[in-house]
């Protein structure tokens, strides 16, 4: 996720749509076609990150497991979702306060 990397590195306020477009190897016009503002793009990153996390947790729910085993599985699933998602996680943590 190129946009998340730009926001994680530059910060929500300093990152520009031009930097995101360059990092993503798309034109600014194309970026603005899908994300009319930086707020919309930040929200999309956060929403996608949390939706994927929720889907993984829901898929891991297994009522046949003991509560201890279910908890262990859920912890493992969350850790796997966060592996390699540092940029999206940074956007999640600091992006919410940057949104209007």
N, C-alpha and C. Protein backbone atom coordinates (compact mmCIF):
# COMPACT_ATOMS: atom_id res chain seq x y z
N UNK A 1 0.85 -1.17 0.00
CA UNK A 1 0.00 0.00 0.00
C UNK A 1 0.90 1.24 0.00
N UNK A 2 1.10 1.80 -1.12
CA UNK A 2 2.01 2.93 -1.29
C UNK A 2 1.57 4.18 -0.55
N UNK A 3 0.27 4.46 -0.58
CA UNK A 3 -0.22 5.67 0.08
C UNK A 3 0.03 5.62 1.57
N UNK A 4 -0.21 4.48 2.19
CA UNK A 4 0.02 4.33 3.62
C UNK A 4 1.48 4.58 3.96
N UNK A 5 2.38 4.14 3.10
CA UNK A 5 3.81 4.34 3.33
C UNK A 5 4.15 5.82 3.32
N UNK A 6 3.57 6.58 2.41
CA UNK A 6 3.82 8.02 2.34
C UNK A 6 3.31 8.70 3.60
N UNK A 7 2.10 8.38 4.01
CA UNK A 7 1.53 9.00 5.20
C UNK A 7 2.29 8.59 6.46
N UNK A 8 2.71 7.35 6.53
CA UNK A 8 3.46 6.88 7.70
C UNK A 8 4.80 7.58 7.81
N UNK A 9 5.44 7.79 6.68
CA UNK A 9 6.77 8.41 6.67
C UNK A 9 6.70 9.92 6.85
N UNK A 10 5.80 10.57 6.14
CA UNK A 10 5.73 12.03 6.12
C UNK A 10 4.83 12.61 7.22
N UNK A 11 3.89 11.81 7.69
CA UNK A 11 2.87 12.33 8.60
C UNK A 11 1.66 12.77 7.80
N UNK A 12 0.53 12.80 8.46
CA UNK A 12 -0.72 13.12 7.75
C UNK A 12 -0.73 14.55 7.20
N UNK A 13 -0.20 15.48 7.97
CA UNK A 13 -0.24 16.89 7.56
C UNK A 13 0.75 17.20 6.45
N UNK A 14 1.94 16.62 6.52
CA UNK A 14 3.00 16.96 5.56
C UNK A 14 2.88 16.20 4.24
N UNK A 15 2.32 15.01 4.28
CA UNK A 15 2.20 14.21 3.06
C UNK A 15 1.25 14.90 2.08
N UNK A 16 1.61 14.82 0.82
CA UNK A 16 0.76 15.45 -0.20
C UNK A 16 0.23 14.39 -1.16
N UNK A 17 -0.84 14.74 -1.82
CA UNK A 17 -1.40 13.84 -2.82
C UNK A 17 -0.39 13.66 -3.97
N UNK A 18 0.42 14.67 -4.24
CA UNK A 18 1.45 14.54 -5.28
C UNK A 18 2.47 13.48 -4.89
N UNK A 19 2.87 13.45 -3.61
CA UNK A 19 3.80 12.42 -3.15
C UNK A 19 3.17 11.04 -3.23
N UNK A 20 1.91 10.95 -2.87
CA UNK A 20 1.21 9.66 -2.93
C UNK A 20 1.13 9.19 -4.38
N UNK A 21 0.78 10.08 -5.28
CA UNK A 21 0.69 9.73 -6.70
C UNK A 21 2.04 9.24 -7.22
N UNK A 22 3.10 9.95 -6.88
CA UNK A 22 4.43 9.57 -7.34
C UNK A 22 4.82 8.19 -6.79
N UNK A 23 4.61 7.98 -5.49
CA UNK A 23 4.94 6.70 -4.86
C UNK A 23 4.11 5.56 -5.46
N UNK A 24 2.87 5.86 -5.80
CA UNK A 24 1.96 4.84 -6.34
C UNK A 24 2.12 4.64 -7.84
N UNK A 25 2.94 5.51 -8.45
CA UNK A 25 3.18 5.44 -9.89
C UNK A 25 1.89 5.64 -10.71
N UNK A 26 1.10 6.61 -10.25
CA UNK A 26 -0.11 7.00 -10.99
C UNK A 26 -0.10 8.52 -11.10
N UNK A 27 -0.93 9.03 -11.98
CA UNK A 27 -1.02 10.48 -12.12
C UNK A 27 -1.83 11.06 -10.96
N UNK A 28 -1.59 12.32 -10.68
CA UNK A 28 -2.39 12.99 -9.65
C UNK A 28 -3.86 13.01 -10.06
N UNK A 29 -4.12 13.19 -11.34
CA UNK A 29 -5.50 13.22 -11.82
C UNK A 29 -6.21 11.90 -11.54
N UNK A 30 -5.51 10.79 -11.78
CA UNK A 30 -6.11 9.49 -11.51
C UNK A 30 -6.35 9.30 -10.01
N UNK A 31 -5.40 9.71 -9.21
CA UNK A 31 -5.55 9.60 -7.76
C UNK A 31 -6.76 10.41 -7.29
N UNK A 32 -6.88 11.65 -7.79
CA UNK A 32 -8.02 12.48 -7.40
C UNK A 32 -9.35 11.96 -7.95
N UNK A 33 -9.30 11.20 -9.03
CA UNK A 33 -10.53 10.60 -9.56
C UNK A 33 -11.14 9.65 -8.54
N UNK A 34 -10.29 8.86 -7.88
CA UNK A 34 -10.77 7.87 -6.91
C UNK A 34 -10.84 8.42 -5.49
N UNK A 35 -9.97 9.36 -5.17
CA UNK A 35 -9.89 9.93 -3.82
C UNK A 35 -9.88 11.45 -3.95
N UNK A 36 -11.04 12.09 -3.88
CA UNK A 36 -11.11 13.52 -4.14
C UNK A 36 -10.41 14.41 -3.12
N UNK A 37 -9.97 13.84 -2.00
CA UNK A 37 -9.23 14.63 -1.02
C UNK A 37 -8.32 13.71 -0.21
N UNK A 38 -7.39 14.33 0.47
CA UNK A 38 -6.48 13.57 1.33
C UNK A 38 -7.27 12.89 2.45
N UNK A 39 -8.27 13.57 3.00
CA UNK A 39 -9.10 12.95 4.04
C UNK A 39 -9.77 11.67 3.56
N UNK A 40 -10.28 11.70 2.35
CA UNK A 40 -10.95 10.52 1.79
C UNK A 40 -9.95 9.37 1.66
N UNK A 41 -8.75 9.68 1.23
CA UNK A 41 -7.72 8.64 1.08
C UNK A 41 -7.29 8.09 2.44
N UNK A 42 -7.08 8.96 3.42
CA UNK A 42 -6.71 8.49 4.76
C UNK A 42 -7.81 7.61 5.33
N UNK A 43 -9.07 8.04 5.18
CA UNK A 43 -10.19 7.23 5.66
C UNK A 43 -10.21 5.88 4.97
N UNK A 44 -9.97 5.85 3.67
CA UNK A 44 -9.98 4.58 2.93
C UNK A 44 -8.88 3.63 3.43
N UNK A 45 -7.72 4.17 3.73
CA UNK A 45 -6.63 3.33 4.26
C UNK A 45 -7.04 2.73 5.59
N UNK A 46 -7.56 3.58 6.48
CA UNK A 46 -7.98 3.10 7.80
C UNK A 46 -9.10 2.09 7.67
N UNK A 47 -10.09 2.40 6.87
CA UNK A 47 -11.25 1.51 6.70
C UNK A 47 -10.83 0.15 6.14
N UNK A 48 -9.99 0.15 5.14
CA UNK A 48 -9.52 -1.10 4.53
C UNK A 48 -8.73 -1.92 5.54
N UNK A 49 -7.85 -1.27 6.27
CA UNK A 49 -7.02 -1.97 7.27
C UNK A 49 -7.91 -2.63 8.33
N UNK A 50 -8.87 -1.88 8.85
CA UNK A 50 -9.73 -2.43 9.89
C UNK A 50 -10.71 -3.46 9.35
N UNK A 51 -11.19 -3.28 8.14
CA UNK A 51 -12.11 -4.25 7.53
C UNK A 51 -11.40 -5.59 7.31
N UNK A 52 -10.15 -5.54 6.87
CA UNK A 52 -9.38 -6.78 6.68
C UNK A 52 -9.12 -7.46 8.01
N UNK A 53 -8.83 -6.68 9.03
CA UNK A 53 -8.62 -7.23 10.37
C UNK A 53 -9.89 -7.89 10.88
N UNK A 54 -11.00 -7.20 10.74
CA UNK A 54 -12.29 -7.75 11.19
C UNK A 54 -12.64 -9.03 10.44
N UNK A 55 -12.44 -9.04 9.14
CA UNK A 55 -12.75 -10.23 8.34
C UNK A 55 -11.90 -11.42 8.78
N UNK A 56 -10.64 -11.17 9.07
CA UNK A 56 -9.75 -12.25 9.52
C UNK A 56 -10.19 -12.80 10.88
N UNK A 57 -10.55 -11.90 11.77
CA UNK A 57 -11.00 -12.33 13.10
C UNK A 57 -12.30 -13.12 12.98
N UNK A 58 -13.22 -12.63 12.19
CA UNK A 58 -14.50 -13.34 12.03
C UNK A 58 -14.29 -14.72 11.40
N UNK A 59 -13.38 -14.82 10.44
CA UNK A 59 -13.11 -16.10 9.79
C UNK A 59 -12.46 -17.09 10.75
N UNK A 60 -11.77 -16.58 11.76
CA UNK A 60 -11.07 -17.44 12.70
C UNK A 60 -11.96 -17.91 13.85
N UNK A 61 -13.15 -17.39 13.94
CA UNK A 61 -14.05 -17.79 15.02
C UNK A 61 -14.44 -19.25 14.83
N UNK A 62 -14.20 -20.04 15.86
CA UNK A 62 -14.49 -21.47 15.79
C UNK A 62 -15.11 -21.91 17.11
N UNK A 63 -16.43 -22.06 17.13
CA UNK A 63 -17.11 -22.41 18.38
C UNK A 63 -16.77 -23.80 18.90
N UNK A 64 -16.10 -24.61 18.10
CA UNK A 64 -15.73 -25.94 18.56
C UNK A 64 -14.47 -25.92 19.42
N UNK A 65 -13.75 -24.80 19.41
CA UNK A 65 -12.53 -24.70 20.20
C UNK A 65 -12.85 -24.32 21.64
N UNK A 66 -11.98 -24.71 22.53
CA UNK A 66 -12.11 -24.28 23.92
C UNK A 66 -11.87 -22.77 23.97
N UNK A 67 -12.37 -22.08 24.99
CA UNK A 67 -12.13 -20.64 25.07
C UNK A 67 -10.64 -20.28 25.02
N UNK A 68 -9.80 -21.08 25.66
CA UNK A 68 -8.37 -20.79 25.66
C UNK A 68 -7.78 -20.93 24.26
N UNK A 69 -8.18 -22.00 23.56
CA UNK A 69 -7.67 -22.21 22.20
C UNK A 69 -8.22 -21.14 21.25
N UNK A 70 -9.47 -20.74 21.44
CA UNK A 70 -10.06 -19.69 20.60
C UNK A 70 -9.31 -18.38 20.79
N UNK A 71 -9.01 -18.05 22.03
CA UNK A 71 -8.26 -16.82 22.32
C UNK A 71 -6.88 -16.87 21.68
N UNK A 72 -6.21 -18.00 21.81
CA UNK A 72 -4.89 -18.16 21.20
C UNK A 72 -4.95 -17.99 19.69
N UNK A 73 -5.97 -18.56 19.06
CA UNK A 73 -6.13 -18.43 17.61
C UNK A 73 -6.39 -16.98 17.22
N UNK A 74 -7.25 -16.31 17.96
CA UNK A 74 -7.56 -14.92 17.64
C UNK A 74 -6.34 -14.01 17.79
N UNK A 75 -5.56 -14.24 18.84
CA UNK A 75 -4.34 -13.46 19.02
C UNK A 75 -3.39 -13.70 17.85
N UNK A 76 -3.24 -14.95 17.45
CA UNK A 76 -2.36 -15.29 16.33
C UNK A 76 -2.84 -14.61 15.05
N UNK A 77 -4.15 -14.62 14.80
CA UNK A 77 -4.70 -14.01 13.59
C UNK A 77 -4.44 -12.51 13.58
N UNK A 78 -4.66 -11.84 14.70
CA UNK A 78 -4.42 -10.40 14.76
C UNK A 78 -2.94 -10.09 14.53
N UNK A 79 -2.07 -10.86 15.14
CA UNK A 79 -0.64 -10.64 14.94
C UNK A 79 -0.23 -10.87 13.48
N UNK A 80 -0.83 -11.86 12.85
CA UNK A 80 -0.54 -12.11 11.43
C UNK A 80 -1.02 -10.96 10.56
N UNK A 81 -2.17 -10.39 10.89
CA UNK A 81 -2.69 -9.26 10.12
C UNK A 81 -1.80 -8.03 10.27
N UNK A 82 -1.22 -7.85 11.45
CA UNK A 82 -0.36 -6.69 11.68
C UNK A 82 1.05 -6.89 11.12
N UNK A 83 1.43 -8.13 10.87
CA UNK A 83 2.75 -8.39 10.29
C UNK A 83 2.81 -7.77 8.90
N UNK A 84 3.76 -6.90 8.69
CA UNK A 84 3.92 -6.26 7.39
C UNK A 84 2.95 -5.11 7.13
N UNK A 85 2.16 -4.76 8.14
CA UNK A 85 1.18 -3.69 7.96
C UNK A 85 1.52 -2.48 8.82
N UNK A 86 2.81 -2.26 9.07
CA UNK A 86 3.22 -1.16 9.94
C UNK A 86 2.72 0.19 9.44
N UNK A 87 2.81 0.42 8.13
CA UNK A 87 2.39 1.71 7.60
C UNK A 87 0.89 1.93 7.78
N UNK A 88 0.11 0.93 7.46
CA UNK A 88 -1.35 1.05 7.63
C UNK A 88 -1.70 1.22 9.10
N UNK A 89 -0.96 0.55 9.96
CA UNK A 89 -1.22 0.67 11.40
C UNK A 89 -0.88 2.09 11.89
N UNK A 90 0.21 2.66 11.40
CA UNK A 90 0.56 4.04 11.77
C UNK A 90 -0.52 5.01 11.31
N UNK A 91 -1.02 4.79 10.11
CA UNK A 91 -2.08 5.65 9.60
C UNK A 91 -3.32 5.49 10.47
N UNK A 92 -3.62 4.27 10.87
CA UNK A 92 -4.78 4.02 11.74
C UNK A 92 -4.62 4.78 13.05
N UNK A 93 -3.45 4.72 13.65
CA UNK A 93 -3.23 5.33 14.96
C UNK A 93 -3.23 6.85 14.92
N UNK A 94 -2.61 7.44 13.89
CA UNK A 94 -2.51 8.89 13.87
C UNK A 94 -3.43 9.55 12.84
N UNK A 95 -3.97 8.77 11.93
CA UNK A 95 -4.81 9.34 10.88
C UNK A 95 -6.16 9.80 11.34
N UNK A 96 -6.72 9.13 12.32
CA UNK A 96 -8.06 9.48 12.79
C UNK A 96 -8.10 10.92 13.29
N UNK A 97 -7.09 11.33 14.03
CA UNK A 97 -7.07 12.69 14.55
C UNK A 97 -6.81 13.71 13.45
N UNK A 98 -6.24 13.27 12.33
CA UNK A 98 -5.95 14.20 11.24
C UNK A 98 -7.18 14.43 10.36
N UNK A 99 -8.18 13.57 10.47
CA UNK A 99 -9.36 13.71 9.63
C UNK A 99 -10.23 14.87 10.11
N UNK A 100 -10.84 15.55 9.15
CA UNK A 100 -11.70 16.68 9.51
C UNK A 100 -13.03 16.21 10.05
